[in-house]
Amino acid sequence: MIYILLYRLNTNKQAKVYLPEPPFLHHELVKNGRIKHYENLHSGLSSSLKTPSIVFTGHPSLRFGDVVHFLNLWGHESGNTVIFIDSEFPYLEALTPYQPLSMKAVFCPIDPRLNFHQSNKLLRDIKPGLVVIPEAYQTPPALMPQRTDLTINTDIPVRAFQYMDVIDIPLHKTFAKVTLSPEVAKSLCPKQIEDGLAIASVRAKVVTRDNRHTLKPVDLDNEISKVGKQLFGSIDVNQFISALKMQGINNAEVESTGSGHIIHFPDIDAMIQLEVGNTHIINHTNEQLRVKIKNAVLACLIQV
């Protein structure tokens, strides 16, 4: 599960995931025998239970589960304490069937969710380049239109979406972080060129998943022919217009922008945005047209 949810960890814990040492403190406690897991009450808990101890159990409603046994066992002793951490259950109501109860009850709800005030403060602190939120977060509840505090209110660019919307999130990066697989790392032969700096030639394939890039080894005998051709070069607008005409696309209107060019085709309701390092084809319905435009782009680039 750690590897599946790696992106949710902070930088230090992400680095520990690839090391022999466990990234979380509780793994060390389990290894040292300070934390023990039991499937049920009859799987050795009674013989190894020592006092004082902390027992994590459920259900938070106190109506079923192993917690019922522990409340009946320890509830009459004032030196014991039951701590409620689930914010969804009223703890006084949950304790009603066990009254009179001598043990202390403490309500310490752990709720990882953020309210609107906390969310707005967090956005001010971290200052992201773009915020993507459900459209409902931009307007107050229908029954309380005066509660503008129940909205996301920020100066940061916001992209709102509705259910089943497909949105385009611009990502302008010149460089990307790539992880070396252990197999590729073992094959490297670094050559030191100065103190603290070494270089090595790498032959590998880039595998991208969940926007994370990993360099994995290439079988030179079987897979080198399968490696896709690489494209590079800049697109000349005039050459691109000629390539579009070869694909049967005419009546192009070219507009220069600060970062590139926008080519609009009013007859077919399509638009192409050319920028340094990016090419966007904007058309919502005609897949055949998108293929023609893509072929025109490929005709203007060098393939190796």
C-alpha atoms as a PDB file:
ATOM      1  CA  MET A   1       0.000   0.000   0.000  1.00  0.00           C
ATOM      2  CA  ILE A   2       2.931   2.344   0.663  1.00  0.00           C
ATOM      3  CA  TYR A   3       4.093   2.045  -2.931  1.00  0.00           C
ATOM      4  CA  ILE A   4       0.590   2.641  -4.312  1.00  0.00           C
ATOM      5  CA  LEU A   5       0.111   5.827  -2.257  1.00  0.00           C
ATOM      6  CA  LEU A   6       3.726   6.995  -2.467  1.00  0.00           C
ATOM      7  CA  TYR A   7       2.749  10.395  -3.883  1.00  0.00           C
ATOM      8  CA  ARG A   8       0.878  11.238  -0.664  1.00  0.00           C
ATOM      9  CA  LEU A   9       4.030  11.084   1.461  1.00  0.00           C
ATOM     10  CA  ASN A  10       6.361  13.971   2.152  1.00  0.00           C
ATOM     11  CA  THR A  11       9.748  14.121   0.443  1.00  0.00           C
ATOM     12  CA  ASN A  12      11.691  12.483   3.291  1.00  0.00           C
ATOM     13  CA  LYS A  13       9.337   9.506   3.536  1.00  0.00           C
ATOM     14  CA  GLN A  14       9.242   9.118  -0.257  1.00  0.00           C
ATOM     15  CA  ALA A  15      13.032   8.727  -0.240  1.00  0.00           C
ATOM     16  CA  LYS A  16      12.836   6.078   2.509  1.00  0.00           C
ATOM     17  CA  VAL A  17      10.438   3.921   0.484  1.00  0.00           C
ATOM     18  CA  TYR A  18      13.346   2.785  -1.727  1.00  0.00           C
ATOM     19  CA  LEU A  19      15.648   2.041   1.224  1.00  0.00           C
ATOM     20  CA  PRO A  20      15.758  -1.083   3.416  1.00  0.00           C
ATOM     21  CA  GLU A  21      14.643   0.979   6.415  1.00  0.00           C
ATOM     22  CA  PRO A  22      10.862   1.382   6.828  1.00  0.00           C
ATOM     23  CA  PRO A  23       9.528   4.894   6.090  1.00  0.00           C
ATOM     24  CA  PHE A  24       7.186   4.980   9.115  1.00  0.00           C
ATOM     25  CA  LEU A  25       8.029   4.855  12.808  1.00  0.00           C
ATOM     26  CA  HIS A  26       5.343   2.278  13.580  1.00  0.00           C
ATOM     27  CA  HIS A  27       7.172  -0.262  11.393  1.00  0.00           C
ATOM     28  CA  GLU A  28      10.113  -0.037  13.794  1.00  0.00           C
ATOM     29  CA  LEU A  29       7.745  -0.481  16.741  1.00  0.00           C
ATOM     30  CA  VAL A  30       6.307  -3.606  15.105  1.00  0.00           C
ATOM     31  CA  LYS A  31       9.813  -4.936  14.433  1.00  0.00           C
ATOM     32  CA  ASN A  32      10.822  -4.370  18.067  1.00  0.00           C
ATOM     33  CA  GLY A  33       7.663  -5.982  19.414  1.00  0.00           C
ATOM     34  CA  ARG A  34       6.223  -2.765  20.833  1.00  0.00           C
ATOM     35  CA  ILE A  35       3.209  -3.009  18.491  1.00  0.00           C
ATOM     36  CA  LYS A  36       1.488  -6.352  17.911  1.00  0.00           C
ATOM     37  CA  HIS A  37      -1.341  -7.275  15.577  1.00  0.00           C
ATOM     38  CA  TYR A  38      -4.082  -9.766  16.385  1.00  0.00           C
ATOM     39  CA  GLU A  39      -6.812 -10.972  14.067  1.00  0.00           C
ATOM     40  CA  ASN A  40      -9.244 -11.458  16.957  1.00  0.00           C
ATOM     41  CA  LEU A  41      -9.489 -11.928  20.711  1.00  0.00           C
ATOM     42  CA  HIS A  42      -8.647 -15.618  20.471  1.00  0.00           C
ATOM     43  CA  SER A  43      -5.401 -15.313  18.478  1.00  0.00           C
ATOM     44  CA  GLY A  44      -3.014 -14.978  21.431  1.00  0.00           C
ATOM     45  CA  LEU A  45      -4.022 -11.567  22.766  1.00  0.00           C
ATOM     46  CA  SER A  46      -5.020 -12.800  26.241  1.00  0.00           C
ATOM     47  CA  SER A  47      -1.683 -14.499  26.896  1.00  0.00           C
ATOM     48  CA  SER A  48       0.505 -11.591  25.752  1.00  0.00           C
ATOM     49  CA  LEU A  49      -1.519  -8.608  27.002  1.00  0.00           C
ATOM     50  CA  LYS A  50       0.336  -6.565  29.616  1.00  0.00           C
ATOM     51  CA  THR A  51      -0.606  -3.449  31.554  1.00  0.00           C
ATOM     52  CA  PRO A  52      -0.415  -0.618  30.898  1.00  0.00           C
ATOM     53  CA  SER A  53      -1.361  -1.112  27.250  1.00  0.00           C
ATOM     54  CA  ILE A  54      -3.132   0.749  24.463  1.00  0.00           C
ATOM     55  CA  VAL A  55      -5.577  -1.352  22.440  1.00  0.00           C
ATOM     56  CA  PHE A  56      -6.869  -0.115  19.071  1.00  0.00           C
ATOM     57  CA  THR A  57     -10.189  -1.755  18.273  1.00  0.00           C
ATOM     58  CA  GLY A  58     -13.650  -1.007  16.894  1.00  0.00           C
ATOM     59  CA  HIS A  59     -16.420  -0.500  15.942  1.00  0.00           C
ATOM     60  CA  PRO A  60     -16.721   3.212  16.995  1.00  0.00           C
ATOM     61  CA  SER A  61     -20.458   2.779  17.589  1.00  0.00           C
ATOM     62  CA  LEU A  62     -19.585   0.345  20.449  1.00  0.00           C
ATOM     63  CA  ARG A  63     -22.430  -1.893  19.288  1.00  0.00           C
ATOM     64  CA  PHE A  64     -20.409  -4.688  17.695  1.00  0.00           C
ATOM     65  CA  GLY A  65     -16.829  -5.808  17.272  1.00  0.00           C
ATOM     66  CA  ASP A  66     -14.154  -6.661  19.840  1.00  0.00           C
ATOM     67  CA  VAL A  67     -14.581  -3.306  21.581  1.00  0.00           C
ATOM     68  CA  VAL A  68     -17.737  -4.675  23.255  1.00  0.00           C
ATOM     69  CA  HIS A  69     -15.641  -7.309  25.042  1.00  0.00           C
ATOM     70  CA  PHE A  70     -13.053  -4.784  26.237  1.00  0.00           C
ATOM     71  CA  LEU A  71     -15.675  -2.384  27.594  1.00  0.00           C
ATOM     72  CA  ASN A  72     -17.307  -5.181  29.574  1.00  0.00           C
ATOM     73  CA  LEU A  73     -13.889  -6.333  30.793  1.00  0.00           C
ATOM     74  CA  TRP A  74     -12.339  -2.981  31.717  1.00  0.00           C
ATOM     75  CA  GLY A  75     -15.305  -0.634  32.080  1.00  0.00           C
ATOM     76  CA  HIS A  76     -15.651  -1.090  35.851  1.00  0.00           C
ATOM     77  CA  GLU A  77     -12.104   0.121  36.619  1.00  0.00           C
ATOM     78  CA  SER A  78     -11.579   3.875  37.008  1.00  0.00           C
ATOM     79  CA  GLY A  79      -7.915   3.577  36.022  1.00  0.00           C
ATOM     80  CA  ASN A  80      -8.862   2.679  32.451  1.00  0.00           C
ATOM     81  CA  THR A  81      -9.752   5.107  29.664  1.00  0.00           C
ATOM     82  CA  VAL A  82     -11.619   4.745  26.393  1.00  0.00           C
ATOM     83  CA  ILE A  83     -10.613   7.265  23.703  1.00  0.00           C
ATOM     84  CA  PHE A  84     -12.933   8.051  20.793  1.00  0.00           C
ATOM     85  CA  ILE A  85     -11.175   9.214  17.617  1.00  0.00           C
ATOM     86  CA  ASP A  86     -14.021   8.903  15.084  1.00  0.00           C
ATOM     87  CA  SER A  87     -15.759  12.247  14.572  1.00  0.00           C
ATOM     88  CA  GLU A  88     -18.870  10.685  13.011  1.00  0.00           C
ATOM     89  CA  PHE A  89     -20.219   9.018  16.175  1.00  0.00           C
ATOM     90  CA  PRO A  90     -21.515  10.881  19.301  1.00  0.00           C
ATOM     91  CA  TYR A  91     -19.495   9.185  22.021  1.00  0.00           C
ATOM     92  CA  LEU A  92     -21.930   9.847  24.886  1.00  0.00           C
ATOM     93  CA  GLU A  93     -24.700   8.130  22.972  1.00  0.00           C
ATOM     94  CA  ALA A  94     -22.372   5.239  22.137  1.00  0.00           C
ATOM     95  CA  LEU A  95     -21.600   4.710  25.851  1.00  0.00           C
ATOM     96  CA  THR A  96     -25.261   4.643  26.939  1.00  0.00           C
ATOM     97  CA  PRO A  97     -25.680   0.813  27.038  1.00  0.00           C
ATOM     98  CA  TYR A  98     -22.608   0.461  29.279  1.00  0.00           C
ATOM     99  CA  GLN A  99     -23.716   2.809  32.058  1.00  0.00           C
ATOM    100  CA  PRO A 100     -22.862   3.032  34.877  1.00  0.00           C
ATOM    101  CA  LEU A 101     -19.275   3.153  33.621  1.00  0.00           C
ATOM    102  CA  SER A 102     -16.314   3.747  35.923  1.00  0.00           C
ATOM    103  CA  MET A 103     -13.652   4.119  33.237  1.00  0.00           C
ATOM    104  CA  LYS A 104     -12.942   7.580  31.855  1.00  0.00           C
ATOM    105  CA  ALA A 105     -14.129   8.546  28.365  1.00  0.00           C
ATOM    106  CA  VAL A 106     -12.178  11.017  26.214  1.00  0.00           C
ATOM    107  CA  PHE A 107     -13.315  12.421  22.859  1.00  0.00           C
ATOM    108  CA  CYS A 108     -10.349  13.272  20.587  1.00  0.00           C
ATOM    109  CA  PRO A 109     -11.743  13.244  17.033  1.00  0.00           C
ATOM    110  CA  ILE A 110      -9.232  12.775  14.223  1.00  0.00           C
ATOM    111  CA  ASP A 111     -10.706  14.272  11.081  1.00  0.00           C
ATOM    112  CA  PRO A 112      -8.281  14.706   8.137  1.00  0.00           C
ATOM    113  CA  ARG A 113     -10.769  16.757   6.138  1.00  0.00           C
ATOM    114  CA  LEU A 114     -10.301  20.513   5.688  1.00  0.00           C
ATOM    115  CA  ASN A 115     -13.054  23.085   5.996  1.00  0.00           C
ATOM    116  CA  PHE A 116     -13.232  26.074   3.657  1.00  0.00           C
ATOM    117  CA  HIS A 117     -11.411  28.403   6.057  1.00  0.00           C
ATOM    118  CA  GLN A 118      -8.533  25.933   6.426  1.00  0.00           C
ATOM    119  CA  SER A 119      -8.440  25.299   2.673  1.00  0.00           C
ATOM    120  CA  ASN A 120      -8.225  29.008   1.841  1.00  0.00           C
ATOM    121  CA  LYS A 121      -5.451  29.471   4.404  1.00  0.00           C
ATOM    122  CA  LEU A 122      -3.562  26.485   3.016  1.00  0.00           C
ATOM    123  CA  LEU A 123      -3.784  27.881  -0.524  1.00  0.00           C
ATOM    124  CA  ARG A 124      -2.411  31.220   0.663  1.00  0.00           C
ATOM    125  CA  ASP A 125       0.505  29.464   2.341  1.00  0.00           C
ATOM    126  CA  ILE A 126       1.587  27.056  -0.409  1.00  0.00           C
ATOM    127  CA  LYS A 127       0.648  29.281  -3.401  1.00  0.00           C
ATOM    128  CA  PRO A 128       0.148  26.577  -6.077  1.00  0.00           C
ATOM    129  CA  GLY A 129       0.188  27.528  -9.744  1.00  0.00           C
ATOM    130  CA  LEU A 130      -3.297  26.128 -10.379  1.00  0.00           C
ATOM    131  CA  VAL A 131      -6.165  24.811  -8.252  1.00  0.00           C
ATOM    132  CA  VAL A 132      -8.611  22.231  -9.657  1.00  0.00           C
ATOM    133  CA  ILE A 133     -11.841  21.981  -7.631  1.00  0.00           C
ATOM    134  CA  PRO A 134     -15.470  20.888  -8.100  1.00  0.00           C
ATOM    135  CA  GLU A 135     -17.662  23.690  -9.409  1.00  0.00           C
ATOM    136  CA  ALA A 136     -19.853  23.475  -6.286  1.00  0.00           C
ATOM    137  CA  TYR A 137     -16.968  24.794  -4.163  1.00  0.00           C
ATOM    138  CA  GLN A 138     -17.152  28.179  -5.914  1.00  0.00           C
ATOM    139  CA  THR A 139     -20.721  29.044  -4.880  1.00  0.00           C
ATOM    140  CA  PRO A 140     -22.423  29.084  -1.452  1.00  0.00           C
ATOM    141  CA  PRO A 141     -24.977  26.379  -0.605  1.00  0.00           C
ATOM    142  CA  ALA A 142     -28.336  26.924  -2.308  1.00  0.00           C
ATOM    143  CA  LEU A 143     -30.144  27.170   1.039  1.00  0.00           C
ATOM    144  CA  MET A 144     -27.594  29.645   2.458  1.00  0.00           C
ATOM    145  CA  PRO A 145     -26.603  32.016  -0.368  1.00  0.00           C
ATOM    146  CA  GLN A 146     -25.300  34.547   2.155  1.00  0.00           C
ATOM    147  CA  ARG A 147     -22.608  32.122   3.399  1.00  0.00           C
ATOM    148  CA  THR A 148     -19.837  33.210   1.063  1.00  0.00           C
ATOM    149  CA  ASP A 149     -17.383  31.850   3.626  1.00  0.00           C
ATOM    150  CA  LEU A 150     -18.389  28.347   2.507  1.00  0.00           C
ATOM    151  CA  THR A 151     -16.516  28.711  -0.789  1.00  0.00           C
ATOM    152  CA  ILE A 152     -12.963  28.515  -2.074  1.00  0.00           C
ATOM    153  CA  ASN A 153     -11.880  32.143  -2.320  1.00  0.00           C
ATOM    154  CA  THR A 154      -8.369  32.618  -3.679  1.00  0.00           C
ATOM    155  CA  ASP A 155      -6.379  34.788  -6.072  1.00  0.00           C
ATOM    156  CA  ILE A 156      -4.705  31.673  -7.479  1.00  0.00           C
ATOM    157  CA  PRO A 157      -5.952  30.523 -10.915  1.00  0.00           C
ATOM    158  CA  VAL A 158      -8.827  28.079 -10.409  1.00  0.00           C
ATOM    159  CA  ARG A 159     -10.092  25.434 -12.827  1.00  0.00           C
ATOM    160  CA  ALA A 160     -13.584  24.226 -11.842  1.00  0.00           C
ATOM    161  CA  PHE A 161     -15.122  21.025 -13.135  1.00  0.00           C
ATOM    162  CA  GLN A 162     -18.427  19.194 -13.059  1.00  0.00           C
ATOM    163  CA  TYR A 163     -19.107  15.468 -12.879  1.00  0.00           C
ATOM    164  CA  MET A 164     -17.706  13.593 -15.912  1.00  0.00           C
ATOM    165  CA  ASP A 165     -15.988  16.713 -17.267  1.00  0.00           C
ATOM    166  CA  VAL A 166     -12.751  16.254 -19.198  1.00  0.00           C
ATOM    167  CA  ILE A 167     -10.435  19.158 -18.437  1.00  0.00           C
ATOM    168  CA  ASP A 168      -7.119  20.237 -19.899  1.00  0.00           C
ATOM    169  CA  ILE A 169      -4.559  21.106 -17.221  1.00  0.00           C
ATOM    170  CA  PRO A 170      -1.585  23.018 -18.656  1.00  0.00           C
ATOM    171  CA  LEU A 171       1.776  21.704 -17.485  1.00  0.00           C
ATOM    172  CA  HIS A 172       4.707  23.746 -18.737  1.00  0.00           C
ATOM    173  CA  LYS A 173       7.922  21.976 -17.797  1.00  0.00           C
ATOM    174  CA  THR A 174      11.292  22.099 -19.485  1.00  0.00           C
ATOM    175  CA  PHE A 175      12.686  19.246 -17.392  1.00  0.00           C
ATOM    176  CA  ALA A 176      11.093  16.271 -15.653  1.00  0.00           C
ATOM    177  CA  LYS A 177      12.295  14.108 -12.787  1.00  0.00           C
ATOM    178  CA  VAL A 178      13.149  10.558 -13.873  1.00  0.00           C
ATOM    179  CA  THR A 179      13.750   7.588 -11.567  1.00  0.00           C
ATOM    180  CA  LEU A 180      16.376   4.967 -12.408  1.00  0.00           C
ATOM    181  CA  SER A 181      15.237   1.378 -12.027  1.00  0.00           C
ATOM    182  CA  PRO A 182      17.647  -0.828 -10.040  1.00  0.00           C
ATOM    183  CA  GLU A 183      18.534  -2.780 -13.206  1.00  0.00           C
ATOM    184  CA  VAL A 184      19.566   0.369 -15.085  1.00  0.00           C
ATOM    185  CA  ALA A 185      21.433   1.739 -12.065  1.00  0.00           C
ATOM    186  CA  LYS A 186      23.525  -1.450 -11.830  1.00  0.00           C
ATOM    187  CA  SER A 187      24.509  -1.223 -15.497  1.00  0.00           C
ATOM    188  CA  LEU A 188      25.908   2.320 -15.286  1.00  0.00           C
ATOM    189  CA  CYS A 189      29.646   2.952 -15.397  1.00  0.00           C
ATOM    190  CA  PRO A 190      30.092   6.517 -14.101  1.00  0.00           C
ATOM    191  CA  LYS A 191      33.190   8.415 -15.157  1.00  0.00           C
ATOM    192  CA  GLN A 192      34.382  11.115 -12.798  1.00  0.00           C
ATOM    193  CA  ILE A 193      35.120  14.385 -14.564  1.00  0.00           C
ATOM    194  CA  GLU A 194      35.767  16.466 -11.448  1.00  0.00           C
ATOM    195  CA  ASP A 195      35.435  16.198  -7.687  1.00  0.00           C
ATOM    196  CA  GLY A 196      31.872  15.303  -6.801  1.00  0.00           C
ATOM    197  CA  LEU A 197      30.715  15.096 -10.422  1.00  0.00           C
ATOM    198  CA  ALA A 198      30.516  11.997 -12.614  1.00  0.00           C
ATOM    199  CA  ILE A 199      28.708  11.191 -15.843  1.00  0.00           C
ATOM    200  CA  ALA A 200      27.572   7.953 -17.471  1.00  0.00           C
ATOM    201  CA  SER A 201      26.027   6.965 -20.782  1.00  0.00           C
ATOM    202  CA  VAL A 202      22.523   5.537 -20.407  1.00  0.00           C
ATOM    203  CA  ARG A 203      20.619   3.321 -22.820  1.00  0.00           C
ATOM    204  CA  ALA A 204      17.128   2.673 -21.491  1.00  0.00           C
ATOM    205  CA  LYS A 205      13.462   3.151 -22.223  1.00  0.00           C
ATOM    206  CA  VAL A 206      11.243   5.655 -20.428  1.00  0.00           C
ATOM    207  CA  VAL A 207       8.141   4.130 -18.843  1.00  0.00           C
ATOM    208  CA  THR A 208       5.561   6.722 -17.777  1.00  0.00           C
ATOM    209  CA  ARG A 209       2.755   5.898 -15.379  1.00  0.00           C
ATOM    210  CA  ASP A 210       0.678   8.264 -13.235  1.00  0.00           C
ATOM    211  CA  ASN A 211       2.860  11.131 -14.518  1.00  0.00           C
ATOM    212  CA  ARG A 212       5.979   9.493 -13.081  1.00  0.00           C
ATOM    213  CA  HIS A 213       8.862   8.551 -15.349  1.00  0.00           C
ATOM    214  CA  THR A 214      11.104   5.529 -14.823  1.00  0.00           C
ATOM    215  CA  LEU A 215      14.134   4.444 -16.843  1.00  0.00           C
ATOM    216  CA  LYS A 216      14.001   0.694 -17.426  1.00  0.00           C
ATOM    217  CA  PRO A 217      16.454  -1.547 -19.289  1.00  0.00           C
ATOM    218  CA  VAL A 218      16.104  -2.271 -22.995  1.00  0.00           C
ATOM    219  CA  ASP A 219      16.719  -5.724 -24.447  1.00  0.00           C
ATOM    220  CA  LEU A 220      18.983  -4.697 -27.315  1.00  0.00           C
ATOM    221  CA  ASP A 221      18.381  -7.937 -29.246  1.00  0.00           C
ATOM    222  CA  ASN A 222      14.592  -8.016 -29.011  1.00  0.00           C
ATOM    223  CA  GLU A 223      13.348  -4.549 -28.149  1.00  0.00           C
ATOM    224  CA  ILE A 224      15.586  -1.997 -29.832  1.00  0.00           C
ATOM    225  CA  SER A 225      13.489  -2.224 -32.991  1.00  0.00           C
ATOM    226  CA  LYS A 226      10.338  -1.586 -30.943  1.00  0.00           C
ATOM    227  CA  VAL A 227      11.567   1.673 -29.442  1.00  0.00           C
ATOM    228  CA  GLY A 228       9.481   4.489 -30.904  1.00  0.00           C
ATOM    229  CA  LYS A 229      11.076   7.129 -33.084  1.00  0.00           C
ATOM    230  CA  GLN A 230      11.947  10.364 -31.353  1.00  0.00           C
ATOM    231  CA  LEU A 231      10.788  13.718 -32.718  1.00  0.00           C
ATOM    232  CA  PHE A 232      12.638  16.982 -32.417  1.00  0.00           C
ATOM    233  CA  GLY A 233      12.853  20.362 -34.079  1.00  0.00           C
ATOM    234  CA  SER A 234      10.753  23.519 -34.207  1.00  0.00           C
ATOM    235  CA  ILE A 235       7.717  23.964 -36.443  1.00  0.00           C
ATOM    236  CA  ASP A 236       7.940  26.617 -39.132  1.00  0.00           C
ATOM    237  CA  VAL A 237       4.487  28.169 -39.518  1.00  0.00           C
ATOM    238  CA  ASN A 238       4.660  28.495 -43.316  1.00  0.00           C
ATOM    239  CA  GLN A 239       5.859  24.913 -43.676  1.00  0.00           C
ATOM    240  CA  PHE A 240       3.089  23.803 -41.341  1.00  0.00           C
ATOM    241  CA  ILE A 241       0.415  25.607 -43.398  1.00  0.00           C
ATOM    242  CA  SER A 242       1.719  23.848 -46.522  1.00  0.00           C
ATOM    243  CA  ALA A 243       1.619  20.493 -44.741  1.00  0.00           C
ATOM    244  CA  LEU A 244      -1.981  21.169 -43.702  1.00  0.00           C
ATOM    245  CA  LYS A 245      -2.923  21.880 -47.313  1.00  0.00           C
ATOM    246  CA  MET A 246      -1.381  18.548 -48.295  1.00  0.00           C
ATOM    247  CA  GLN A 247      -3.829  16.986 -45.840  1.00  0.00           C
ATOM    248  CA  GLY A 248      -6.743  18.852 -47.458  1.00  0.00           C
ATOM    249  CA  ILE A 249      -7.097  21.507 -44.724  1.00  0.00           C
ATOM    250  CA  ASN A 250      -7.323  25.042 -46.146  1.00  0.00           C
ATOM    251  CA  ASN A 251      -8.428  28.586 -45.159  1.00  0.00           C
ATOM    252  CA  ALA A 252      -6.065  28.864 -42.205  1.00  0.00           C
ATOM    253  CA  GLU A 253      -5.943  32.129 -40.226  1.00  0.00           C
ATOM    254  CA  VAL A 254      -2.632  32.701 -38.420  1.00  0.00           C
ATOM    255  CA  GLU A 255      -2.367  34.903 -35.318  1.00  0.00           C
ATOM    256  CA  SER A 256       0.947  35.649 -33.607  1.00  0.00           C
ATOM    257  CA  THR A 257       1.103  35.584 -29.798  1.00  0.00           C
ATOM    258  CA  GLY A 258       3.832  36.368 -27.323  1.00  0.00           C
ATOM    259  CA  SER A 259       4.731  32.702 -26.918  1.00  0.00           C
ATOM    260  CA  GLY A 260       3.994  31.335 -30.405  1.00  0.00           C
ATOM    261  CA  HIS A 261       1.175  31.209 -32.960  1.00  0.00           C
ATOM    262  CA  ILE A 262      -2.524  30.353 -33.039  1.00  0.00           C
ATOM    263  CA  ILE A 263      -3.901  28.878 -36.270  1.00  0.00           C
ATOM    264  CA  HIS A 264      -7.686  28.989 -36.601  1.00  0.00           C
ATOM    265  CA  PHE A 265      -9.840  27.195 -39.170  1.00  0.00           C
ATOM    266  CA  PRO A 266     -13.279  28.854 -39.129  1.00  0.00           C
ATOM    267  CA  ASP A 267     -14.741  26.459 -41.714  1.00  0.00           C
ATOM    268  CA  ILE A 268     -14.196  23.386 -39.534  1.00  0.00           C
ATOM    269  CA  ASP A 269     -14.269  25.009 -36.083  1.00  0.00           C
ATOM    270  CA  ALA A 270     -10.776  23.910 -35.107  1.00  0.00           C
ATOM    271  CA  MET A 271      -7.767  25.684 -33.647  1.00  0.00           C
ATOM    272  CA  ILE A 272      -4.086  24.823 -33.270  1.00  0.00           C
ATOM    273  CA  GLN A 273      -1.897  26.500 -30.673  1.00  0.00           C
ATOM    274  CA  LEU A 274       1.849  26.348 -31.359  1.00  0.00           C
ATOM    275  CA  GLU A 275       4.247  27.218 -28.537  1.00  0.00           C
ATOM    276  CA  VAL A 276       7.838  26.396 -27.700  1.00  0.00           C
ATOM    277  CA  GLY A 277       7.723  22.808 -26.470  1.00  0.00           C
ATOM    278  CA  ASN A 278       3.933  22.465 -26.839  1.00  0.00           C
ATOM    279  CA  THR A 279       1.405  21.881 -29.608  1.00  0.00           C
ATOM    280  CA  HIS A 280      -2.319  21.832 -28.779  1.00  0.00           C
ATOM    281  CA  ILE A 281      -5.006  20.664 -31.227  1.00  0.00           C
ATOM    282  CA  ILE A 282      -8.385  21.990 -30.102  1.00  0.00           C
ATOM    283  CA  ASN A 283     -11.380  20.220 -31.637  1.00  0.00           C
ATOM    284  CA  HIS A 284     -14.089  18.405 -29.706  1.00  0.00           C
ATOM    285  CA  THR A 285     -15.748  16.056 -32.186  1.00  0.00           C
ATOM    286  CA  ASN A 286     -13.853  15.297 -35.403  1.00  0.00           C
ATOM    287  CA  GLU A 287     -11.270  12.601 -34.692  1.00  0.00           C
ATOM    288  CA  GLN A 288     -10.410  12.264 -38.405  1.00  0.00           C
ATOM    289  CA  LEU A 289      -9.520  15.955 -38.486  1.00  0.00           C
ATOM    290  CA  ARG A 290      -7.275  15.564 -35.449  1.00  0.00           C
ATOM    291  CA  VAL A 291      -5.392  12.767 -37.199  1.00  0.00           C
ATOM    292  CA  LYS A 292      -4.808  14.958 -40.278  1.00  0.00           C
ATOM    293  CA  ILE A 293      -3.500  17.809 -38.135  1.00  0.00           C
ATOM    294  CA  LYS A 294      -1.255  15.392 -36.239  1.00  0.00           C
ATOM    295  CA  ASN A 295       0.171  14.095 -39.521  1.00  0.00           C
ATOM    296  CA  ALA A 296       0.905  17.667 -40.609  1.00  0.00           C
ATOM    297  CA  VAL A 297       2.760  18.285 -37.334  1.00  0.00           C
ATOM    298  CA  LEU A 298       4.801  15.111 -37.800  1.00  0.00           C
ATOM    299  CA  ALA A 299       5.708  16.174 -41.340  1.00  0.00           C
ATOM    300  CA  CYS A 300       7.364  19.319 -39.937  1.00  0.00           C
ATOM    301  CA  LEU A 301       9.514  17.505 -37.363  1.00  0.00           C
ATOM    302  CA  ILE A 302      12.621  15.378 -37.690  1.00  0.00           C
ATOM    303  CA  GLN A 303      12.311  11.719 -36.690  1.00  0.00           C
ATOM    304  CA  VAL A 304      15.302   9.745 -35.394  1.00  0.00           C
END
